[in-house]
Amino acid sequence: MQIINKISFLILLFLVMICRGNQIEIITTTSQISTIVQEIGQSKINVSILIPPGICPGHYEIRPGDIKKLYNNGILLYHGWEGFIDDIKKAVSDSNTTIFSVNVPGSWLIPEVQTKAAEKIAQILSESDPLNKNFYMKNLDLYKTKMIALDKKIKNTVDKNKLSGMPVVASEKQKDFLDYLGFHVIDTFGADEEITPGRIIQIINNIKKYNVKIIVSNLQSGTSTGTMLSKRTKIPHVVLTNFPGGFQNTETIEKTIMTNLYLLINAVRSGK
């Protein structure tokens, strides 16, 4: 039965590719995945996302239109932390939809994590479209080279601006990225709806104790907590995005990371 289902899916995929000019239609849950899919798949794929990059993924609720889109297109890539995936799997269980997990831990704002995710995505594309495997693997190699260059560019920028070791307080969603950049994350806070008055007092005490230079919020988690901490401590506040497309002109991962980095640099300078 599994063999028959796989054959049926490949036949359906072949027909879809013919109808769409040999492009595979792929849906991703987030822009973190879609940007890599676009880099690896390029002209061979057409990709769309479910969750708008500027909102909290945890607050997104699946819509009937999303299910219809999956029925029509058949390939979904997701991270693994999305709360609605089980609902999607049930809703499309009687269709030829194929769902792939791209479960890569760590901040996707880090080039090394990007490379690991790209390897998984290239493998998925190769399995779904074996005739173009060499095309996908060649693009994977190019993407790896691009991430090595990006990592070097980031580290040179950090060194030039003497950011390493600088004490900060940040959203927990930005901690891994800030650690990678070399900042000293003194304390973290969760989403706006999770913070308590007692926790606010603890964070303010740590800001004063460790001479924190900036407060870093995550756009998708909300900015109210960071704004409040900044007002009460007179420390500069900066908002970063975890997802490409969260800000204007951040449609690629390189633009997203460098925009975040320059926002941090400007915040540090404003506090001097």
C-alpha atoms as a PDB file:
ATOM      1  CA  MET A   1       0.000   0.000   0.000  1.00  0.00           C
ATOM      2  CA  GLN A   2       2.864   2.410   0.847  1.00  0.00           C
ATOM      3  CA  ILE A   3       4.494   1.714  -2.521  1.00  0.00           C
ATOM      4  CA  ILE A   4       1.216   2.378  -4.338  1.00  0.00           C
ATOM      5  CA  ASN A   5       0.719   5.637  -2.434  1.00  0.00           C
ATOM      6  CA  LYS A   6       4.249   6.750  -3.259  1.00  0.00           C
ATOM      7  CA  ILE A   7       3.773   5.957  -6.943  1.00  0.00           C
ATOM      8  CA  SER A   8       0.486   7.852  -6.932  1.00  0.00           C
ATOM      9  CA  PHE A   9       2.154  10.860  -5.336  1.00  0.00           C
ATOM     10  CA  LEU A  10       4.995  10.862  -7.888  1.00  0.00           C
ATOM     11  CA  ILE A  11       2.511  10.662 -10.759  1.00  0.00           C
ATOM     12  CA  LEU A  12       0.507  13.546  -9.266  1.00  0.00           C
ATOM     13  CA  LEU A  13       3.707  15.540  -8.749  1.00  0.00           C
ATOM     14  CA  PHE A  14       4.723  14.925 -12.367  1.00  0.00           C
ATOM     15  CA  LEU A  15       1.364  16.172 -13.636  1.00  0.00           C
ATOM     16  CA  VAL A  16       1.535  19.252 -11.418  1.00  0.00           C
ATOM     17  CA  MET A  17       5.023  20.041 -12.722  1.00  0.00           C
ATOM     18  CA  ILE A  18       3.801  19.810 -16.309  1.00  0.00           C
ATOM     19  CA  CYS A  19       0.846  22.083 -15.626  1.00  0.00           C
ATOM     20  CA  ARG A  20       3.019  24.685 -13.854  1.00  0.00           C
ATOM     21  CA  GLY A  21       5.907  24.813 -16.293  1.00  0.00           C
ATOM     22  CA  ASN A  22       8.007  22.165 -14.499  1.00  0.00           C
ATOM     23  CA  GLN A  23       7.892  24.049 -11.192  1.00  0.00           C
ATOM     24  CA  ILE A  24       7.170  22.243  -7.936  1.00  0.00           C
ATOM     25  CA  GLU A  25       4.641  24.040  -5.736  1.00  0.00           C
ATOM     26  CA  ILE A  26       5.901  24.113  -2.141  1.00  0.00           C
ATOM     27  CA  ILE A  27       4.250  25.612   0.918  1.00  0.00           C
ATOM     28  CA  THR A  28       6.302  26.409   4.024  1.00  0.00           C
ATOM     29  CA  THR A  29       5.064  27.401   7.436  1.00  0.00           C
ATOM     30  CA  THR A  30       7.541  30.280   7.807  1.00  0.00           C
ATOM     31  CA  SER A  31       9.808  32.591   5.833  1.00  0.00           C
ATOM     32  CA  GLN A  32      12.813  30.996   7.558  1.00  0.00           C
ATOM     33  CA  ILE A  33      12.171  27.881   5.500  1.00  0.00           C
ATOM     34  CA  SER A  34      10.879  29.584   2.351  1.00  0.00           C
ATOM     35  CA  THR A  35      13.995  31.723   1.863  1.00  0.00           C
ATOM     36  CA  ILE A  36      16.203  28.618   1.836  1.00  0.00           C
ATOM     37  CA  VAL A  37      13.790  26.717  -0.400  1.00  0.00           C
ATOM     38  CA  GLN A  38      13.992  29.596  -2.871  1.00  0.00           C
ATOM     39  CA  GLU A  39      17.794  29.609  -2.765  1.00  0.00           C
ATOM     40  CA  ILE A  40      18.070  25.860  -3.363  1.00  0.00           C
ATOM     41  CA  GLY A  41      15.104  25.404  -5.694  1.00  0.00           C
ATOM     42  CA  GLN A  42      15.323  28.658  -7.662  1.00  0.00           C
ATOM     43  CA  SER A  43      13.588  28.273 -11.052  1.00  0.00           C
ATOM     44  CA  LYS A  44      12.483  24.700 -10.335  1.00  0.00           C
ATOM     45  CA  ILE A  45      10.088  25.631  -7.528  1.00  0.00           C
ATOM     46  CA  ASN A  46       7.349  28.072  -6.583  1.00  0.00           C
ATOM     47  CA  VAL A  47       7.155  28.674  -2.849  1.00  0.00           C
ATOM     48  CA  SER A  48       4.583  30.340  -0.597  1.00  0.00           C
ATOM     49  CA  ILE A  49       4.310  30.680   3.193  1.00  0.00           C
ATOM     50  CA  LEU A  50       1.491  30.207   5.674  1.00  0.00           C
ATOM     51  CA  ILE A  51       2.562  32.455   8.577  1.00  0.00           C
ATOM     52  CA  PRO A  52       3.217  36.144   7.841  1.00  0.00           C
ATOM     53  CA  PRO A  53       6.786  36.967   8.992  1.00  0.00           C
ATOM     54  CA  GLY A  54       5.813  39.878  11.225  1.00  0.00           C
ATOM     55  CA  ILE A  55       3.543  37.986  13.631  1.00  0.00           C
ATOM     56  CA  CYS A  56       4.122  35.474  16.411  1.00  0.00           C
ATOM     57  CA  PRO A  57       3.988  31.964  14.883  1.00  0.00           C
ATOM     58  CA  GLY A  58       2.513  30.626  18.105  1.00  0.00           C
ATOM     59  CA  HIS A  59      -0.572  32.811  17.640  1.00  0.00           C
ATOM     60  CA  TYR A  60      -1.254  31.717  14.082  1.00  0.00           C
ATOM     61  CA  GLU A  61      -4.397  29.697  13.506  1.00  0.00           C
ATOM     62  CA  ILE A  62      -4.738  27.518  10.448  1.00  0.00           C
ATOM     63  CA  ARG A  63      -7.420  28.689   8.009  1.00  0.00           C
ATOM     64  CA  PRO A  64      -9.653  26.775   5.584  1.00  0.00           C
ATOM     65  CA  GLY A  65      -7.799  28.448   2.727  1.00  0.00           C
ATOM     66  CA  ASP A  66      -4.522  26.968   3.977  1.00  0.00           C
ATOM     67  CA  ILE A  67      -5.982  23.467   3.904  1.00  0.00           C
ATOM     68  CA  LYS A  68      -7.351  24.034   0.394  1.00  0.00           C
ATOM     69  CA  LYS A  69      -3.953  25.235  -0.774  1.00  0.00           C
ATOM     70  CA  LEU A  70      -2.311  22.094   0.596  1.00  0.00           C
ATOM     71  CA  TYR A  71      -4.856  19.865  -1.106  1.00  0.00           C
ATOM     72  CA  ASN A  72      -4.091  21.556  -4.402  1.00  0.00           C
ATOM     73  CA  ASN A  73      -0.308  21.668  -4.123  1.00  0.00           C
ATOM     74  CA  GLY A  74       0.671  18.728  -1.983  1.00  0.00           C
ATOM     75  CA  ILE A  75       4.058  19.570  -0.405  1.00  0.00           C
ATOM     76  CA  LEU A  76       4.448  21.244   3.001  1.00  0.00           C
ATOM     77  CA  LEU A  77       7.670  21.967   4.891  1.00  0.00           C
ATOM     78  CA  TYR A  78       7.513  22.831   8.595  1.00  0.00           C
ATOM     79  CA  HIS A  79       9.866  23.244  11.575  1.00  0.00           C
ATOM     80  CA  GLY A  80       8.337  20.969  14.180  1.00  0.00           C
ATOM     81  CA  TRP A  81       7.283  23.486  16.816  1.00  0.00           C
ATOM     82  CA  GLU A  82       4.148  24.688  15.048  1.00  0.00           C
ATOM     83  CA  GLY A  83       1.096  23.877  17.146  1.00  0.00           C
ATOM     84  CA  PHE A  84      -1.232  23.377  14.189  1.00  0.00           C
ATOM     85  CA  ILE A  85       0.648  20.657  12.300  1.00  0.00           C
ATOM     86  CA  ASP A  86      -1.364  17.808  13.818  1.00  0.00           C
ATOM     87  CA  ASP A  87      -4.563  19.544  12.696  1.00  0.00           C
ATOM     88  CA  ILE A  88      -3.164  19.868   9.183  1.00  0.00           C
ATOM     89  CA  LYS A  89      -2.135  16.221   9.076  1.00  0.00           C
ATOM     90  CA  LYS A  90      -5.657  15.158  10.059  1.00  0.00           C
ATOM     91  CA  ALA A  91      -7.298  17.520   7.586  1.00  0.00           C
ATOM     92  CA  VAL A  92      -5.258  16.277   4.611  1.00  0.00           C
ATOM     93  CA  SER A  93      -4.972  12.629   5.627  1.00  0.00           C
ATOM     94  CA  ASP A  94      -7.143  11.521   2.688  1.00  0.00           C
ATOM     95  CA  SER A  95      -5.166  13.514   0.123  1.00  0.00           C
ATOM     96  CA  ASN A  96      -1.796  13.088  -1.588  1.00  0.00           C
ATOM     97  CA  THR A  97      -0.254  15.850   0.483  1.00  0.00           C
ATOM     98  CA  THR A  98       3.318  15.127   1.543  1.00  0.00           C
ATOM     99  CA  ILE A  99       4.591  16.794   4.715  1.00  0.00           C
ATOM    100  CA  PHE A 100       8.285  17.139   5.565  1.00  0.00           C
ATOM    101  CA  SER A 101       9.841  18.282   8.839  1.00  0.00           C
ATOM    102  CA  VAL A 102      12.875  20.574   8.732  1.00  0.00           C
ATOM    103  CA  ASN A 103      13.606  20.292  12.441  1.00  0.00           C
ATOM    104  CA  VAL A 104      16.935  22.069  12.911  1.00  0.00           C
ATOM    105  CA  PRO A 105      17.624  23.345  16.450  1.00  0.00           C
ATOM    106  CA  GLY A 106      19.225  26.684  17.172  1.00  0.00           C
ATOM    107  CA  SER A 107      18.698  30.200  15.876  1.00  0.00           C
ATOM    108  CA  TRP A 108      18.178  30.306  12.119  1.00  0.00           C
ATOM    109  CA  LEU A 109      19.914  33.702  12.206  1.00  0.00           C
ATOM    110  CA  ILE A 110      23.226  31.842  12.583  1.00  0.00           C
ATOM    111  CA  PRO A 111      24.958  30.853   9.304  1.00  0.00           C
ATOM    112  CA  GLU A 112      25.968  27.408  10.600  1.00  0.00           C
ATOM    113  CA  VAL A 113      22.323  26.638  11.432  1.00  0.00           C
ATOM    114  CA  GLN A 114      21.321  27.942   8.004  1.00  0.00           C
ATOM    115  CA  THR A 115      23.709  25.456   6.411  1.00  0.00           C
ATOM    116  CA  LYS A 116      22.250  22.533   8.359  1.00  0.00           C
ATOM    117  CA  ALA A 117      18.722  23.563   7.382  1.00  0.00           C
ATOM    118  CA  ALA A 118      19.760  23.964   3.743  1.00  0.00           C
ATOM    119  CA  GLU A 119      21.170  20.424   3.716  1.00  0.00           C
ATOM    120  CA  LYS A 120      17.839  19.034   4.899  1.00  0.00           C
ATOM    121  CA  ILE A 121      15.867  21.105   2.412  1.00  0.00           C
ATOM    122  CA  ALA A 122      18.121  20.122  -0.496  1.00  0.00           C
ATOM    123  CA  GLN A 123      17.578  16.477   0.420  1.00  0.00           C
ATOM    124  CA  ILE A 124      13.796  16.945   0.517  1.00  0.00           C
ATOM    125  CA  LEU A 125      13.775  18.665  -2.873  1.00  0.00           C
ATOM    126  CA  SER A 126      15.973  15.942  -4.320  1.00  0.00           C
ATOM    127  CA  GLU A 127      13.642  13.210  -3.055  1.00  0.00           C
ATOM    128  CA  SER A 128      10.580  15.039  -4.370  1.00  0.00           C
ATOM    129  CA  ASP A 129      12.156  15.861  -7.726  1.00  0.00           C
ATOM    130  CA  PRO A 130      14.978  13.341  -8.349  1.00  0.00           C
ATOM    131  CA  LEU A 131      15.466  14.421 -11.976  1.00  0.00           C
ATOM    132  CA  ASN A 132      16.824  17.758 -10.732  1.00  0.00           C
ATOM    133  CA  LYS A 133      18.877  16.419  -7.815  1.00  0.00           C
ATOM    134  CA  ASN A 134      22.183  17.657  -9.276  1.00  0.00           C
ATOM    135  CA  PHE A 135      20.678  21.132  -9.689  1.00  0.00           C
ATOM    136  CA  TYR A 136      19.621  21.253  -6.040  1.00  0.00           C
ATOM    137  CA  MET A 137      22.925  19.901  -4.754  1.00  0.00           C
ATOM    138  CA  LYS A 138      24.885  22.417  -6.816  1.00  0.00           C
ATOM    139  CA  ASN A 139      22.809  25.229  -5.327  1.00  0.00           C
ATOM    140  CA  LEU A 140      23.363  23.755  -1.871  1.00  0.00           C
ATOM    141  CA  ASP A 141      27.124  23.988  -2.365  1.00  0.00           C
ATOM    142  CA  LEU A 142      26.758  27.599  -3.480  1.00  0.00           C
ATOM    143  CA  TYR A 143      24.599  28.354  -0.439  1.00  0.00           C
ATOM    144  CA  LYS A 144      27.166  26.818   1.907  1.00  0.00           C
ATOM    145  CA  THR A 145      29.846  29.027   0.379  1.00  0.00           C
ATOM    146  CA  LYS A 146      27.570  32.043   0.799  1.00  0.00           C
ATOM    147  CA  MET A 147      27.028  31.228   4.480  1.00  0.00           C
ATOM    148  CA  ILE A 148      30.771  30.910   5.104  1.00  0.00           C
ATOM    149  CA  ALA A 149      31.270  34.356   3.572  1.00  0.00           C
ATOM    150  CA  LEU A 150      28.352  35.762   5.588  1.00  0.00           C
ATOM    151  CA  ASP A 151      29.773  34.353   8.827  1.00  0.00           C
ATOM    152  CA  LYS A 152      33.088  36.063   8.105  1.00  0.00           C
ATOM    153  CA  LYS A 153      31.332  39.352   7.268  1.00  0.00           C
ATOM    154  CA  ILE A 154      29.350  39.220  10.519  1.00  0.00           C
ATOM    155  CA  LYS A 155      32.402  38.515  12.681  1.00  0.00           C
ATOM    156  CA  ASN A 156      34.411  41.277  11.013  1.00  0.00           C
ATOM    157  CA  THR A 157      31.568  43.732  11.679  1.00  0.00           C
ATOM    158  CA  VAL A 158      31.326  42.619  15.325  1.00  0.00           C
ATOM    159  CA  ASP A 159      35.089  43.030  15.803  1.00  0.00           C
ATOM    160  CA  LYS A 160      35.154  46.418  14.087  1.00  0.00           C
ATOM    161  CA  ASN A 161      32.423  47.732  16.390  1.00  0.00           C
ATOM    162  CA  LYS A 162      33.807  46.091  19.555  1.00  0.00           C
ATOM    163  CA  LEU A 163      30.548  44.330  20.440  1.00  0.00           C
ATOM    164  CA  SER A 164      32.025  41.183  21.975  1.00  0.00           C
ATOM    165  CA  GLY A 165      31.373  40.864  25.696  1.00  0.00           C
ATOM    166  CA  MET A 166      28.937  43.763  25.813  1.00  0.00           C
ATOM    167  CA  PRO A 167      26.224  43.126  28.478  1.00  0.00           C
ATOM    168  CA  VAL A 168      22.636  43.061  27.217  1.00  0.00           C
ATOM    169  CA  VAL A 169      19.180  41.985  28.331  1.00  0.00           C
ATOM    170  CA  ALA A 170      17.134  40.346  25.600  1.00  0.00           C
ATOM    171  CA  SER A 171      14.112  38.428  24.471  1.00  0.00           C
ATOM    172  CA  GLU A 172      14.721  34.727  24.934  1.00  0.00           C
ATOM    173  CA  LYS A 173      14.027  34.316  21.201  1.00  0.00           C
ATOM    174  CA  GLN A 174      17.111  36.395  20.381  1.00  0.00           C
ATOM    175  CA  LYS A 175      19.499  34.910  22.970  1.00  0.00           C
ATOM    176  CA  ASP A 176      21.167  32.340  20.702  1.00  0.00           C
ATOM    177  CA  PHE A 177      21.775  34.931  17.988  1.00  0.00           C
ATOM    178  CA  LEU A 178      23.232  37.412  20.478  1.00  0.00           C
ATOM    179  CA  ASP A 179      25.437  34.689  21.980  1.00  0.00           C
ATOM    180  CA  TYR A 180      26.716  33.916  18.487  1.00  0.00           C
ATOM    181  CA  LEU A 181      27.533  37.607  17.939  1.00  0.00           C
ATOM    182  CA  GLY A 182      29.533  37.636  21.174  1.00  0.00           C
ATOM    183  CA  PHE A 183      27.257  39.721  23.372  1.00  0.00           C
ATOM    184  CA  HIS A 184      27.018  38.842  27.072  1.00  0.00           C
ATOM    185  CA  VAL A 185      23.320  38.113  27.659  1.00  0.00           C
ATOM    186  CA  ILE A 186      22.786  38.925  31.332  1.00  0.00           C
ATOM    187  CA  ASP A 187      19.065  38.087  31.482  1.00  0.00           C
ATOM    188  CA  THR A 188      16.178  37.206  29.170  1.00  0.00           C
ATOM    189  CA  PHE A 189      12.420  37.753  29.023  1.00  0.00           C
ATOM    190  CA  GLY A 190       9.625  35.892  27.278  1.00  0.00           C
ATOM    191  CA  ALA A 191       6.672  37.079  25.230  1.00  0.00           C
ATOM    192  CA  ASP A 192       4.829  40.180  26.436  1.00  0.00           C
ATOM    193  CA  GLU A 193       1.889  38.170  27.750  1.00  0.00           C
ATOM    194  CA  GLU A 194       4.191  35.991  29.888  1.00  0.00           C
ATOM    195  CA  ILE A 195       5.990  38.687  31.895  1.00  0.00           C
ATOM    196  CA  THR A 196       5.091  39.304  35.562  1.00  0.00           C
ATOM    197  CA  PRO A 197       5.707  42.354  37.812  1.00  0.00           C
ATOM    198  CA  GLY A 198       8.114  40.338  39.947  1.00  0.00           C
ATOM    199  CA  ARG A 199      10.114  39.297  36.899  1.00  0.00           C
ATOM    200  CA  ILE A 200      10.300  42.911  35.728  1.00  0.00           C
ATOM    201  CA  ILE A 201      11.861  43.916  39.049  1.00  0.00           C
ATOM    202  CA  GLN A 202      14.451  41.117  38.780  1.00  0.00           C
ATOM    203  CA  ILE A 203      15.433  42.156  35.263  1.00  0.00           C
ATOM    204  CA  ILE A 204      15.733  45.842  36.220  1.00  0.00           C
ATOM    205  CA  ASN A 205      17.995  44.897  39.136  1.00  0.00           C
ATOM    206  CA  ASN A 206      20.215  42.908  36.790  1.00  0.00           C
ATOM    207  CA  ILE A 207      20.320  45.780  34.300  1.00  0.00           C
ATOM    208  CA  LYS A 208      21.669  48.059  37.002  1.00  0.00           C
ATOM    209  CA  LYS A 209      23.958  45.463  38.597  1.00  0.00           C
ATOM    210  CA  TYR A 210      25.712  44.471  35.370  1.00  0.00           C
ATOM    211  CA  ASN A 211      25.679  47.870  33.651  1.00  0.00           C
ATOM    212  CA  VAL A 212      23.633  46.581  30.730  1.00  0.00           C
ATOM    213  CA  LYS A 213      24.109  48.631  27.549  1.00  0.00           C
ATOM    214  CA  ILE A 214      21.029  47.762  25.466  1.00  0.00           C
ATOM    215  CA  ILE A 215      17.695  45.944  25.723  1.00  0.00           C
ATOM    216  CA  VAL A 216      16.798  43.689  22.797  1.00  0.00           C
ATOM    217  CA  SER A 217      13.258  42.680  21.866  1.00  0.00           C
ATOM    218  CA  ASN A 218      12.055  40.182  19.293  1.00  0.00           C
ATOM    219  CA  LEU A 219       9.490  41.611  16.870  1.00  0.00           C
ATOM    220  CA  GLN A 220       7.385  38.451  16.704  1.00  0.00           C
ATOM    221  CA  SER A 221       7.241  38.097  20.520  1.00  0.00           C
ATOM    222  CA  GLY A 222       6.061  41.641  21.157  1.00  0.00           C
ATOM    223  CA  THR A 223       7.929  44.813  22.070  1.00  0.00           C
ATOM    224  CA  SER A 224       6.023  46.127  25.096  1.00  0.00           C
ATOM    225  CA  THR A 225       8.296  44.504  27.686  1.00  0.00           C
ATOM    226  CA  GLY A 226      11.454  45.886  26.103  1.00  0.00           C
ATOM    227  CA  THR A 227       9.882  49.337  25.754  1.00  0.00           C
ATOM    228  CA  MET A 228       8.855  49.364  29.423  1.00  0.00           C
ATOM    229  CA  LEU A 229      12.303  48.231  30.599  1.00  0.00           C
ATOM    230  CA  SER A 230      13.922  50.918  28.475  1.00  0.00           C
ATOM    231  CA  LYS A 231      11.697  53.666  29.883  1.00  0.00           C
ATOM    232  CA  ARG A 232      12.338  52.597  33.469  1.00  0.00           C
ATOM    233  CA  THR A 233      16.116  52.240  33.095  1.00  0.00           C
ATOM    234  CA  LYS A 234      16.904  54.827  30.371  1.00  0.00           C
ATOM    235  CA  ILE A 235      18.749  52.081  28.468  1.00  0.00           C
ATOM    236  CA  PRO A 236      18.451  52.021  24.627  1.00  0.00           C
ATOM    237  CA  HIS A 237      15.908  49.564  23.264  1.00  0.00           C
ATOM    238  CA  VAL A 238      16.222  47.786  19.917  1.00  0.00           C
ATOM    239  CA  VAL A 239      13.822  45.428  18.124  1.00  0.00           C
ATOM    240  CA  LEU A 240      15.155  42.569  15.965  1.00  0.00           C
ATOM    241  CA  THR A 241      13.327  40.111  13.738  1.00  0.00           C
ATOM    242  CA  ASN A 242      13.705  36.332  13.771  1.00  0.00           C
ATOM    243  CA  PHE A 243      12.109  35.940  10.347  1.00  0.00           C
ATOM    244  CA  PRO A 244      13.092  37.227   6.897  1.00  0.00           C
ATOM    245  CA  GLY A 245      10.534  39.769   5.758  1.00  0.00           C
ATOM    246  CA  GLY A 246       9.796  40.965   9.283  1.00  0.00           C
ATOM    247  CA  PHE A 247      11.180  44.385   8.349  1.00  0.00           C
ATOM    248  CA  GLN A 248      11.289  46.172   5.026  1.00  0.00           C
ATOM    249  CA  ASN A 249      14.147  45.043   2.746  1.00  0.00           C
ATOM    250  CA  THR A 250      14.828  41.850   4.736  1.00  0.00           C
ATOM    251  CA  GLU A 251      13.587  39.339   2.190  1.00  0.00           C
ATOM    252  CA  THR A 252      16.770  37.222   2.377  1.00  0.00           C
ATOM    253  CA  ILE A 253      18.523  35.750   5.399  1.00  0.00           C
ATOM    254  CA  GLU A 254      21.653  37.815   4.715  1.00  0.00           C
ATOM    255  CA  LYS A 255      19.647  41.055   4.652  1.00  0.00           C
ATOM    256  CA  THR A 256      17.782  39.979   7.797  1.00  0.00           C
ATOM    257  CA  ILE A 257      20.938  39.193   9.766  1.00  0.00           C
ATOM    258  CA  MET A 258      22.830  42.303   8.654  1.00  0.00           C
ATOM    259  CA  THR A 259      19.810  44.537   9.329  1.00  0.00           C
ATOM    260  CA  ASN A 260      19.605  43.097  12.847  1.00  0.00           C
ATOM    261  CA  LEU A 261      23.329  43.598  13.344  1.00  0.00           C
ATOM    262  CA  TYR A 262      23.278  47.236  12.215  1.00  0.00           C
ATOM    263  CA  LEU A 263      20.241  47.892  14.430  1.00  0.00           C
ATOM    264  CA  LEU A 264      22.266  46.579  17.372  1.00  0.00           C
ATOM    265  CA  ILE A 265      25.249  48.742  16.456  1.00  0.00           C
ATOM    266  CA  ASN A 266      23.087  51.852  16.199  1.00  0.00           C
ATOM    267  CA  ALA A 267      21.479  51.106  19.569  1.00  0.00           C
ATOM    268  CA  VAL A 268      24.878  50.711  21.209  1.00  0.00           C
ATOM    269  CA  ARG A 269      26.067  53.996  19.702  1.00  0.00           C
ATOM    270  CA  SER A 270      22.933  55.821  20.869  1.00  0.00           C
ATOM    271  CA  GLY A 271      23.699  54.838  24.447  1.00  0.00           C
ATOM    272  CA  LYS A 272      27.202  56.285  24.487  1.00  0.00           C
END
